[in-house]
Amino acid sequence: MTSRMLEEAREAPAVVARQNAGMPAALHDFTARLRESPPRSILTLARGSSDHAAAFAAYLIMARVGRLVTSLPLSIVTLYQSKIDCSALLALAFSQSGQSPDLV
């Protein structure tokens, strides 16, 4: 007996390979630069369920790559108008819809 979740998990390698094959040249250049000069730490930006995906990515990055990953609570910027110095960080934004104004 299998579940839909198990089926989707088993499809993941083929999906990643397909996405990698269709990746634009600019993204290939970006990933090459990351390999040449890895960031010291990484910042994630997300809300709601996308923040769960970001937390999972953070766990994998810290465990496998050994880089510190921090989540920026967006309300610090949107609600409190704080100015956060994010220079020299790799920032990764996660959005399921791609429509959140504070992420876009």
PDB file of N, CA and C in Angstrom:
ATOM      1  N   MET A   1       0.844  -1.183   0.000  1.00  0.00           N
ATOM      2  CA  MET A   1       0.000   0.000   0.000  1.00  0.00           C
ATOM      3  C   MET A   1       0.890   1.247   0.000  1.00  0.00           C
ATOM      4  N   THR A   2       0.575   2.202  -0.877  1.00  0.00           N
ATOM      5  CA  THR A   2       1.336   3.444  -0.922  1.00  0.00           C
ATOM      6  C   THR A   2       0.387   4.624  -0.728  1.00  0.00           C
ATOM      7  N   SER A   3       0.964   5.722  -0.345  1.00  0.00           N
ATOM      8  CA  SER A   3       0.173   6.937  -0.162  1.00  0.00           C
ATOM      9  C   SER A   3       0.546   7.928  -1.259  1.00  0.00           C
ATOM     10  N   ARG A   4      -0.289   8.909  -1.450  1.00  0.00           N
ATOM     11  CA  ARG A   4      -0.007   9.959  -2.436  1.00  0.00           C
ATOM     12  C   ARG A   4       1.264  10.714  -2.042  1.00  0.00           C
ATOM     13  N   MET A   5       1.458  10.927  -0.741  1.00  0.00           N
ATOM     14  CA  MET A   5       2.645  11.634  -0.278  1.00  0.00           C
ATOM     15  C   MET A   5       3.908  10.848  -0.647  1.00  0.00           C
ATOM     16  N   LEU A   6       3.870   9.533  -0.467  1.00  0.00           N
ATOM     17  CA  LEU A   6       5.011   8.693  -0.821  1.00  0.00           C
ATOM     18  C   LEU A   6       5.262   8.747  -2.325  1.00  0.00           C
ATOM     19  N   GLU A   7       4.203   8.703  -3.111  1.00  0.00           N
ATOM     20  CA  GLU A   7       4.341   8.805  -4.570  1.00  0.00           C
ATOM     21  C   GLU A   7       5.003  10.122  -4.962  1.00  0.00           C
ATOM     22  N   GLU A   8       4.567  11.222  -4.348  1.00  0.00           N
ATOM     23  CA  GLU A   8       5.150  12.527  -4.655  1.00  0.00           C
ATOM     24  C   GLU A   8       6.614  12.587  -4.232  1.00  0.00           C
ATOM     25  N   ALA A   9       6.932  12.018  -3.084  1.00  0.00           N
ATOM     26  CA  ALA A   9       8.323  11.999  -2.623  1.00  0.00           C
ATOM     27  C   ALA A   9       9.195  11.224  -3.605  1.00  0.00           C
ATOM     28  N   ARG A  10       8.691  10.133  -4.125  1.00  0.00           N
ATOM     29  CA  ARG A  10       9.459   9.333  -5.087  1.00  0.00           C
ATOM     30  C   ARG A  10       9.633  10.045  -6.426  1.00  0.00           C
ATOM     31  N   GLU A  11       8.737  10.968  -6.748  1.00  0.00           N
ATOM     32  CA  GLU A  11       8.834  11.738  -7.991  1.00  0.00           C
ATOM     33  C   GLU A  11       9.848  12.885  -7.881  1.00  0.00           C
ATOM     34  N   ALA A  12      10.237  13.246  -6.668  1.00  0.00           N
ATOM     35  CA  ALA A  12      11.074  14.432  -6.443  1.00  0.00           C
ATOM     36  C   ALA A  12      12.376  14.431  -7.243  1.00  0.00           C
ATOM     37  N   PRO A  13      13.158  13.338  -7.285  1.00  0.00           N
ATOM     38  CA  PRO A  13      14.416  13.400  -8.046  1.00  0.00           C
ATOM     39  C   PRO A  13      14.212  13.736  -9.523  1.00  0.00           C
ATOM     40  N   ALA A  14      13.193  13.164 -10.140  1.00  0.00           N
ATOM     41  CA  ALA A  14      12.922  13.451 -11.553  1.00  0.00           C
ATOM     42  C   ALA A  14      12.481  14.901 -11.740  1.00  0.00           C
ATOM     43  N   VAL A  15      11.705  15.416 -10.810  1.00  0.00           N
ATOM     44  CA  VAL A  15      11.249  16.806 -10.899  1.00  0.00           C
ATOM     45  C   VAL A  15      12.437  17.760 -10.778  1.00  0.00           C
ATOM     46  N   VAL A  16      13.320  17.503  -9.817  1.00  0.00           N
ATOM     47  CA  VAL A  16      14.502  18.358  -9.639  1.00  0.00           C
ATOM     48  C   VAL A  16      15.389  18.291 -10.878  1.00  0.00           C
ATOM     49  N   ALA A  17      15.582  17.106 -11.440  1.00  0.00           N
ATOM     50  CA  ALA A  17      16.396  16.967 -12.653  1.00  0.00           C
ATOM     51  C   ALA A  17      15.775  17.744 -13.810  1.00  0.00           C
ATOM     52  N   ARG A  18      14.453  17.676 -13.957  1.00  0.00           N
ATOM     53  CA  ARG A  18      13.751  18.396 -15.024  1.00  0.00           C
ATOM     54  C   ARG A  18      13.887  19.911 -14.825  1.00  0.00           C
ATOM     55  N   GLN A  19      13.749  20.372 -13.578  1.00  0.00           N
ATOM     56  CA  GLN A  19      13.895  21.798 -13.306  1.00  0.00           C
ATOM     57  C   GLN A  19      15.320  22.259 -13.592  1.00  0.00           C
ATOM     58  N   ASN A  20      16.291  21.445 -13.201  1.00  0.00           N
ATOM     59  CA  ASN A  20      17.690  21.790 -13.430  1.00  0.00           C
ATOM     60  C   ASN A  20      17.989  21.878 -14.924  1.00  0.00           C
ATOM     61  N   ALA A  21      17.441  20.958 -15.706  1.00  0.00           N
ATOM     62  CA  ALA A  21      17.672  20.962 -17.149  1.00  0.00           C
ATOM     63  C   ALA A  21      17.069  22.197 -17.810  1.00  0.00           C
ATOM     64  N   GLY A  22      15.967  22.707 -17.276  1.00  0.00           N
ATOM     65  CA  GLY A  22      15.307  23.868 -17.853  1.00  0.00           C
ATOM     66  C   GLY A  22      15.721  25.184 -17.220  1.00  0.00           C
ATOM     67  N   MET A  23      16.742  25.150 -16.374  1.00  0.00           N
ATOM     68  CA  MET A  23      17.165  26.344 -15.653  1.00  0.00           C
ATOM     69  C   MET A  23      17.781  27.370 -16.611  1.00  0.00           C
ATOM     70  N   PRO A  24      17.388  28.624 -16.502  1.00  0.00           N
ATOM     71  CA  PRO A  24      17.982  29.654 -17.352  1.00  0.00           C
ATOM     72  C   PRO A  24      19.480  29.802 -17.095  1.00  0.00           C
ATOM     73  N   ALA A  25      20.197  30.278 -18.100  1.00  0.00           N
ATOM     74  CA  ALA A  25      21.647  30.454 -17.987  1.00  0.00           C
ATOM     75  C   ALA A  25      22.014  31.352 -16.803  1.00  0.00           C
ATOM     76  N   ALA A  26      21.210  32.380 -16.553  1.00  0.00           N
ATOM     77  CA  ALA A  26      21.509  33.301 -15.440  1.00  0.00           C
ATOM     78  C   ALA A  26      21.510  32.568 -14.106  1.00  0.00           C
ATOM     79  N   LEU A  27      20.611  31.609 -13.951  1.00  0.00           N
ATOM     80  CA  LEU A  27      20.566  30.851 -12.706  1.00  0.00           C
ATOM     81  C   LEU A  27      21.764  29.911 -12.601  1.00  0.00           C
ATOM     82  N   HIS A  28      22.181  29.333 -13.721  1.00  0.00           N
ATOM     83  CA  HIS A  28      23.398  28.520 -13.719  1.00  0.00           C
ATOM     84  C   HIS A  28      24.596  29.371 -13.303  1.00  0.00           C
ATOM     85  N   ASP A  29      24.685  30.603 -13.834  1.00  0.00           N
ATOM     86  CA  ASP A  29      25.778  31.508 -13.472  1.00  0.00           C
ATOM     87  C   ASP A  29      25.737  31.846 -11.991  1.00  0.00           C
ATOM     88  N   PHE A  30      24.535  32.095 -11.474  1.00  0.00           N
ATOM     89  CA  PHE A  30      24.366  32.421 -10.059  1.00  0.00           C
ATOM     90  C   PHE A  30      24.830  31.267  -9.171  1.00  0.00           C
ATOM     91  N   THR A  31      24.413  30.055  -9.496  1.00  0.00           N
ATOM     92  CA  THR A  31      24.809  28.908  -8.666  1.00  0.00           C
ATOM     93  C   THR A  31      26.310  28.662  -8.771  1.00  0.00           C
ATOM     94  N   ALA A  32      26.905  28.925  -9.927  1.00  0.00           N
ATOM     95  CA  ALA A  32      28.360  28.783 -10.064  1.00  0.00           C
ATOM     96  C   ALA A  32      29.082  29.787  -9.169  1.00  0.00           C
ATOM     97  N   ARG A  33      28.561  31.024  -9.115  1.00  0.00           N
ATOM     98  CA  ARG A  33      29.164  32.040  -8.237  1.00  0.00           C
ATOM     99  C   ARG A  33      29.034  31.648  -6.770  1.00  0.00           C
ATOM    100  N   LEU A  34      27.899  31.045  -6.399  1.00  0.00           N
ATOM    101  CA  LEU A  34      27.734  30.587  -5.014  1.00  0.00           C
ATOM    102  C   LEU A  34      28.748  29.499  -4.663  1.00  0.00           C
ATOM    103  N   ARG A  35      29.019  28.601  -5.620  1.00  0.00           N
ATOM    104  CA  ARG A  35      30.014  27.556  -5.371  1.00  0.00           C
ATOM    105  C   ARG A  35      31.409  28.152  -5.230  1.00  0.00           C
ATOM    106  N   GLU A  36      31.727  29.144  -6.063  1.00  0.00           N
ATOM    107  CA  GLU A  36      33.043  29.779  -6.034  1.00  0.00           C
ATOM    108  C   GLU A  36      33.252  30.598  -4.767  1.00  0.00           C
ATOM    109  N   SER A  37      32.203  31.279  -4.326  1.00  0.00           N
ATOM    110  CA  SER A  37      32.296  32.162  -3.163  1.00  0.00           C
ATOM    111  C   SER A  37      31.058  31.974  -2.286  1.00  0.00           C
ATOM    112  N   PRO A  38      31.023  30.910  -1.492  1.00  0.00           N
ATOM    113  CA  PRO A  38      29.842  30.637  -0.664  1.00  0.00           C
ATOM    114  C   PRO A  38      29.597  31.738   0.366  1.00  0.00           C
ATOM    115  N   PRO A  39      28.335  32.066   0.611  1.00  0.00           N
ATOM    116  CA  PRO A  39      28.027  33.084   1.625  1.00  0.00           C
ATOM    117  C   PRO A  39      28.363  32.572   3.021  1.00  0.00           C
ATOM    118  N   ARG A  40      28.714  33.476   3.909  1.00  0.00           N
ATOM    119  CA  ARG A  40      29.001  33.087   5.296  1.00  0.00           C
ATOM    120  C   ARG A  40      27.726  32.658   6.005  1.00  0.00           C
ATOM    121  N   SER A  41      26.625  33.345   5.694  1.00  0.00           N
ATOM    122  CA  SER A  41      25.345  32.975   6.289  1.00  0.00           C
ATOM    123  C   SER A  41      24.215  33.336   5.327  1.00  0.00           C
ATOM    124  N   ILE A  42      23.039  32.815   5.652  1.00  0.00           N
ATOM    125  CA  ILE A  42      21.899  32.919   4.751  1.00  0.00           C
ATOM    126  C   ILE A  42      20.688  33.425   5.524  1.00  0.00           C
ATOM    127  N   LEU A  43      19.885  34.237   4.865  1.00  0.00           N
ATOM    128  CA  LEU A  43      18.677  34.811   5.451  1.00  0.00           C
ATOM    129  C   LEU A  43      17.477  34.288   4.674  1.00  0.00           C
ATOM    130  N   THR A  44      16.459  33.811   5.377  1.00  0.00           N
ATOM    131  CA  THR A  44      15.231  33.401   4.700  1.00  0.00           C
ATOM    132  C   THR A  44      14.123  34.404   4.988  1.00  0.00           C
ATOM    133  N   LEU A  45      13.276  34.591   3.982  1.00  0.00           N
ATOM    134  CA  LEU A  45      12.137  35.497   4.075  1.00  0.00           C
ATOM    135  C   LEU A  45      10.910  34.718   3.629  1.00  0.00           C
ATOM    136  N   ALA A  46       9.920  34.615   4.493  1.00  0.00           N
ATOM    137  CA  ALA A  46       8.713  33.858   4.155  1.00  0.00           C
ATOM    138  C   ALA A  46       7.619  34.182   5.155  1.00  0.00           C
ATOM    139  N   ARG A  47       6.411  33.834   4.771  1.00  0.00           N
ATOM    140  CA  ARG A  47       5.251  33.972   5.663  1.00  0.00           C
ATOM    141  C   ARG A  47       4.450  32.679   5.628  1.00  0.00           C
ATOM    142  N   GLY A  48       3.760  32.400   6.728  1.00  0.00           N
ATOM    143  CA  GLY A  48       2.823  31.279   6.789  1.00  0.00           C
ATOM    144  C   GLY A  48       3.434  29.932   6.446  1.00  0.00           C
ATOM    145  N   SER A  49       2.736  29.174   5.607  1.00  0.00           N
ATOM    146  CA  SER A  49       3.206  27.827   5.280  1.00  0.00           C
ATOM    147  C   SER A  49       4.515  27.865   4.506  1.00  0.00           C
ATOM    148  N   SER A  50       4.782  28.938   3.788  1.00  0.00           N
ATOM    149  CA  SER A  50       6.064  29.063   3.092  1.00  0.00           C
ATOM    150  C   SER A  50       7.208  29.143   4.091  1.00  0.00           C
ATOM    151  N   ASP A  51       6.933  29.683   5.276  1.00  0.00           N
ATOM    152  CA  ASP A  51       7.953  29.758   6.313  1.00  0.00           C
ATOM    153  C   ASP A  51       8.326  28.355   6.800  1.00  0.00           C
ATOM    154  N   HIS A  52       7.383  27.419   6.741  1.00  0.00           N
ATOM    155  CA  HIS A  52       7.703  26.035   7.094  1.00  0.00           C
ATOM    156  C   HIS A  52       8.675  25.447   6.076  1.00  0.00           C
ATOM    157  N   ALA A  53       8.466  25.737   4.798  1.00  0.00           N
ATOM    158  CA  ALA A  53       9.390  25.281   3.756  1.00  0.00           C
ATOM    159  C   ALA A  53      10.762  25.911   3.963  1.00  0.00           C
ATOM    160  N   ALA A  54      10.788  27.189   4.324  1.00  0.00           N
ATOM    161  CA  ALA A  54      12.053  27.878   4.579  1.00  0.00           C
ATOM    162  C   ALA A  54      12.772  27.262   5.776  1.00  0.00           C
ATOM    163  N   ALA A  55      12.019  26.903   6.809  1.00  0.00           N
ATOM    164  CA  ALA A  55      12.632  26.281   7.995  1.00  0.00           C
ATOM    165  C   ALA A  55      13.232  24.924   7.637  1.00  0.00           C
ATOM    166  N   PHE A  56      12.550  24.174   6.787  1.00  0.00           N
ATOM    167  CA  PHE A  56      13.077  22.883   6.352  1.00  0.00           C
ATOM    168  C   PHE A  56      14.352  23.078   5.532  1.00  0.00           C
ATOM    169  N   ALA A  57      14.337  24.050   4.619  1.00  0.00           N
ATOM    170  CA  ALA A  57      15.533  24.367   3.830  1.00  0.00           C
ATOM    171  C   ALA A  57      16.680  24.785   4.742  1.00  0.00           C
ATOM    172  N   ALA A  58      16.370  25.601   5.757  1.00  0.00           N
ATOM    173  CA  ALA A  58      17.389  26.047   6.707  1.00  0.00           C
ATOM    174  C   ALA A  58      18.023  24.857   7.417  1.00  0.00           C
ATOM    175  N   TYR A  59      17.206  23.929   7.833  1.00  0.00           N
ATOM    176  CA  TYR A  59      17.695  22.728   8.524  1.00  0.00           C
ATOM    177  C   TYR A  59      18.660  21.968   7.619  1.00  0.00           C
ATOM    178  N   LEU A  60      18.271  21.767   6.361  1.00  0.00           N
ATOM    179  CA  LEU A  60      19.130  21.042   5.423  1.00  0.00           C
ATOM    180  C   LEU A  60      20.430  21.785   5.150  1.00  0.00           C
ATOM    181  N   ILE A  61      20.336  23.091   4.945  1.00  0.00           N
ATOM    182  CA  ILE A  61      21.532  23.889   4.658  1.00  0.00           C
ATOM    183  C   ILE A  61      22.495  23.850   5.838  1.00  0.00           C
ATOM    184  N   MET A  62      21.966  24.046   7.049  1.00  0.00           N
ATOM    185  CA  MET A  62      22.846  24.024   8.223  1.00  0.00           C
ATOM    186  C   MET A  62      23.464  22.643   8.426  1.00  0.00           C
ATOM    187  N   ALA A  63      22.666  21.593   8.237  1.00  0.00           N
ATOM    188  CA  ALA A  63      23.152  20.233   8.463  1.00  0.00           C
ATOM    189  C   ALA A  63      24.136  19.784   7.381  1.00  0.00           C
ATOM    190  N   ARG A  64      23.856  20.122   6.129  1.00  0.00           N
ATOM    191  CA  ARG A  64      24.657  19.598   5.012  1.00  0.00           C
ATOM    192  C   ARG A  64      25.756  20.533   4.528  1.00  0.00           C
ATOM    193  N   VAL A  65      25.508  21.841   4.617  1.00  0.00           N
ATOM    194  CA  VAL A  65      26.456  22.817   4.073  1.00  0.00           C
ATOM    195  C   VAL A  65      27.254  23.490   5.188  1.00  0.00           C
ATOM    196  N   GLY A  66      26.698  23.486   6.394  1.00  0.00           N
ATOM    197  CA  GLY A  66      27.406  24.068   7.526  1.00  0.00           C
ATOM    198  C   GLY A  66      27.375  25.578   7.571  1.00  0.00           C
ATOM    199  N   ARG A  67      26.352  26.169   7.001  1.00  0.00           N
ATOM    200  CA  ARG A  67      26.201  27.628   7.038  1.00  0.00           C
ATOM    201  C   ARG A  67      25.026  27.983   7.940  1.00  0.00           C
ATOM    202  N   LEU A  68      25.179  29.062   8.679  1.00  0.00           N
ATOM    203  CA  LEU A  68      24.109  29.548   9.547  1.00  0.00           C
ATOM    204  C   LEU A  68      22.983  30.108   8.699  1.00  0.00           C
ATOM    205  N   VAL A  69      21.753  29.748   9.030  1.00  0.00           N
ATOM    206  CA  VAL A  69      20.575  30.253   8.334  1.00  0.00           C
ATOM    207  C   VAL A  69      19.655  30.887   9.369  1.00  0.00           C
ATOM    208  N   THR A  70      19.213  32.102   9.091  1.00  0.00           N
ATOM    209  CA  THR A  70      18.338  32.843   9.988  1.00  0.00           C
ATOM    210  C   THR A  70      17.083  33.273   9.247  1.00  0.00           C
ATOM    211  N   SER A  71      15.952  33.199   9.914  1.00  0.00           N
ATOM    212  CA  SER A  71      14.689  33.656   9.336  1.00  0.00           C
ATOM    213  C   SER A  71      14.411  35.074   9.802  1.00  0.00           C
ATOM    214  N   LEU A  72      14.147  35.959   8.863  1.00  0.00           N
ATOM    215  CA  LEU A  72      13.799  37.337   9.214  1.00  0.00           C
ATOM    216  C   LEU A  72      12.292  37.433   9.386  1.00  0.00           C
ATOM    217  N   PRO A  73      11.820  37.759  10.599  1.00  0.00           N
ATOM    218  CA  PRO A  73      10.375  37.979  10.770  1.00  0.00           C
ATOM    219  C   PRO A  73       9.989  39.237   9.993  1.00  0.00           C
ATOM    220  N   LEU A  74       9.194  39.081   8.956  1.00  0.00           N
ATOM    221  CA  LEU A  74       8.898  40.202   8.068  1.00  0.00           C
ATOM    222  C   LEU A  74       8.202  41.360   8.766  1.00  0.00           C
ATOM    223  N   SER A  75       7.507  41.087   9.856  1.00  0.00           N
ATOM    224  CA  SER A  75       6.837  42.179  10.566  1.00  0.00           C
ATOM    225  C   SER A  75       7.840  43.187  11.125  1.00  0.00           C
ATOM    226  N   ILE A  76       9.070  42.770  11.355  1.00  0.00           N
ATOM    227  CA  ILE A  76      10.107  43.703  11.813  1.00  0.00           C
ATOM    228  C   ILE A  76      10.266  44.837  10.797  1.00  0.00           C
ATOM    229  N   VAL A  77      10.166  44.488   9.524  1.00  0.00           N
ATOM    230  CA  VAL A  77      10.313  45.481   8.462  1.00  0.00           C
ATOM    231  C   VAL A  77       8.971  46.104   8.107  1.00  0.00           C
ATOM    232  N   THR A  78       7.923  45.277   7.926  1.00  0.00           N
ATOM    233  CA  THR A  78       6.645  45.808   7.450  1.00  0.00           C
ATOM    234  C   THR A  78       5.887  46.567   8.530  1.00  0.00           C
ATOM    235  N   LEU A  79       5.906  46.093   9.764  1.00  0.00           N
ATOM    236  CA  LEU A  79       5.144  46.721  10.837  1.00  0.00           C
ATOM    237  C   LEU A  79       5.950  47.789  11.573  1.00  0.00           C
ATOM    238  N   TYR A  80       7.202  47.449  11.892  1.00  0.00           N
ATOM    239  CA  TYR A  80       8.024  48.354  12.699  1.00  0.00           C
ATOM    240  C   TYR A  80       8.956  49.233  11.868  1.00  0.00           C
ATOM    241  N   GLN A  81       8.960  49.023  10.543  1.00  0.00           N
ATOM    242  CA  GLN A  81       9.779  49.839   9.637  1.00  0.00           C
ATOM    243  C   GLN A  81      11.258  49.832  10.013  1.00  0.00           C
ATOM    244  N   SER A  82      11.732  48.736  10.593  1.00  0.00           N
ATOM    245  CA  SER A  82      13.143  48.622  10.977  1.00  0.00           C
ATOM    246  C   SER A  82      14.019  48.490   9.747  1.00  0.00           C
ATOM    247  N   LYS A  83      15.184  49.058   9.820  1.00  0.00           N
ATOM    248  CA  LYS A  83      16.185  48.952   8.755  1.00  0.00           C
ATOM    249  C   LYS A  83      17.206  47.909   9.209  1.00  0.00           C
ATOM    250  N   ILE A  84      17.239  46.794   8.524  1.00  0.00           N
ATOM    251  CA  ILE A  84      18.121  45.692   8.881  1.00  0.00           C
ATOM    252  C   ILE A  84      19.251  45.625   7.857  1.00  0.00           C
ATOM    253  N   ASP A  85      20.488  45.624   8.329  1.00  0.00           N
ATOM    254  CA  ASP A  85      21.642  45.516   7.444  1.00  0.00           C
ATOM    255  C   ASP A  85      21.804  44.054   7.037  1.00  0.00           C
ATOM    256  N   CYS A  86      21.522  43.777   5.787  1.00  0.00           N
ATOM    257  CA  CYS A  86      21.612  42.408   5.264  1.00  0.00           C
ATOM    258  C   CYS A  86      22.751  42.271   4.263  1.00  0.00           C
ATOM    259  N   SER A  87      23.683  43.214   4.291  1.00  0.00           N
ATOM    260  CA  SER A  87      24.793  43.139   3.345  1.00  0.00           C
ATOM    261  C   SER A  87      25.619  41.887   3.629  1.00  0.00           C
ATOM    262  N   ALA A  88      26.170  41.344   2.589  1.00  0.00           N
ATOM    263  CA  ALA A  88      27.015  40.142   2.643  1.00  0.00           C
ATOM    264  C   ALA A  88      26.256  38.873   3.031  1.00  0.00           C
ATOM    265  N   LEU A  89      24.927  38.915   2.959  1.00  0.00           N
ATOM    266  CA  LEU A  89      24.121  37.722   3.216  1.00  0.00           C
ATOM    267  C   LEU A  89      23.489  37.250   1.915  1.00  0.00           C
ATOM    268  N   LEU A  90      23.292  35.961   1.807  1.00  0.00           N
ATOM    269  CA  LEU A  90      22.461  35.426   0.725  1.00  0.00           C
ATOM    270  C   LEU A  90      21.048  35.416   1.271  1.00  0.00           C
ATOM    271  N   ALA A  91      20.123  36.080   0.594  1.00  0.00           N
ATOM    272  CA  ALA A  91      18.727  36.113   1.027  1.00  0.00           C
ATOM    273  C   ALA A  91      17.897  35.236   0.100  1.00  0.00           C
ATOM    274  N   LEU A  92      17.113  34.330   0.695  1.00  0.00           N
ATOM    275  CA  LEU A  92      16.238  33.441  -0.058  1.00  0.00           C
ATOM    276  C   LEU A  92      14.796  33.724   0.339  1.00  0.00           C
ATOM    277  N   ALA A  93      13.972  34.109  -0.628  1.00  0.00           N
ATOM    278  CA  ALA A  93      12.559  34.377  -0.370  1.00  0.00           C
ATOM    279  C   ALA A  93      11.736  33.174  -0.802  1.00  0.00           C
ATOM    280  N   PHE A  94      10.808  32.759   0.041  1.00  0.00           N
ATOM    281  CA  PHE A  94       9.935  31.616  -0.220  1.00  0.00           C
ATOM    282  C   PHE A  94       8.503  32.111  -0.321  1.00  0.00           C
ATOM    283  N   SER A  95       7.820  31.758  -1.406  1.00  0.00           N
ATOM    284  CA  SER A  95       6.424  32.137  -1.564  1.00  0.00           C
ATOM    285  C   SER A  95       5.718  31.096  -2.418  1.00  0.00           C
ATOM    286  N   GLN A  96       4.636  30.549  -1.893  1.00  0.00           N
ATOM    287  CA  GLN A  96       3.864  29.577  -2.676  1.00  0.00           C
ATOM    288  C   GLN A  96       3.145  30.279  -3.823  1.00  0.00           C
ATOM    289  N   SER A  97       2.596  31.447  -3.553  1.00  0.00           N
ATOM    290  CA  SER A  97       1.794  32.139  -4.567  1.00  0.00           C
ATOM    291  C   SER A  97       2.615  33.078  -5.430  1.00  0.00           C
ATOM    292  N   GLY A  98       3.712  33.574  -4.884  1.00  0.00           N
ATOM    293  CA  GLY A  98       4.482  34.581  -5.601  1.00  0.00           C
ATOM    294  C   GLY A  98       3.802  35.940  -5.619  1.00  0.00           C
ATOM    295  N   GLN A  99       2.781  36.102  -4.771  1.00  0.00           N
ATOM    296  CA  GLN A  99       1.960  37.313  -4.784  1.00  0.00           C
ATOM    297  C   GLN A  99       2.094  38.176  -3.539  1.00  0.00           C
ATOM    298  N   SER A 100       2.779  37.689  -2.497  1.00  0.00           N
ATOM    299  CA  SER A 100       2.878  38.476  -1.259  1.00  0.00           C
ATOM    300  C   SER A 100       3.674  39.745  -1.500  1.00  0.00           C
ATOM    301  N   PRO A 101       3.059  40.921  -1.356  1.00  0.00           N
ATOM    302  CA  PRO A 101       3.750  42.180  -1.655  1.00  0.00           C
ATOM    303  C   PRO A 101       5.047  42.365  -0.862  1.00  0.00           C
ATOM    304  N   ASP A 102       5.062  41.929   0.402  1.00  0.00           N
ATOM    305  CA  ASP A 102       6.264  42.128   1.208  1.00  0.00           C
ATOM    306  C   ASP A 102       7.406  41.210   0.770  1.00  0.00           C
ATOM    307  N   LEU A 103       7.102  40.117   0.099  1.00  0.00           N
ATOM    308  CA  LEU A 103       8.152  39.251  -0.433  1.00  0.00           C
ATOM    309  C   LEU A 103       8.565  39.659  -1.834  1.00  0.00           C
ATOM    310  N   VAL A 104       7.579  40.063  -2.622  1.00  0.00           N
ATOM    311  CA  VAL A 104       7.863  40.452  -4.004  1.00  0.00           C
ATOM    312  C   VAL A 104       8.737  41.690  -3.998  1.00  0.00           C
TER     313      VAL A 104
END
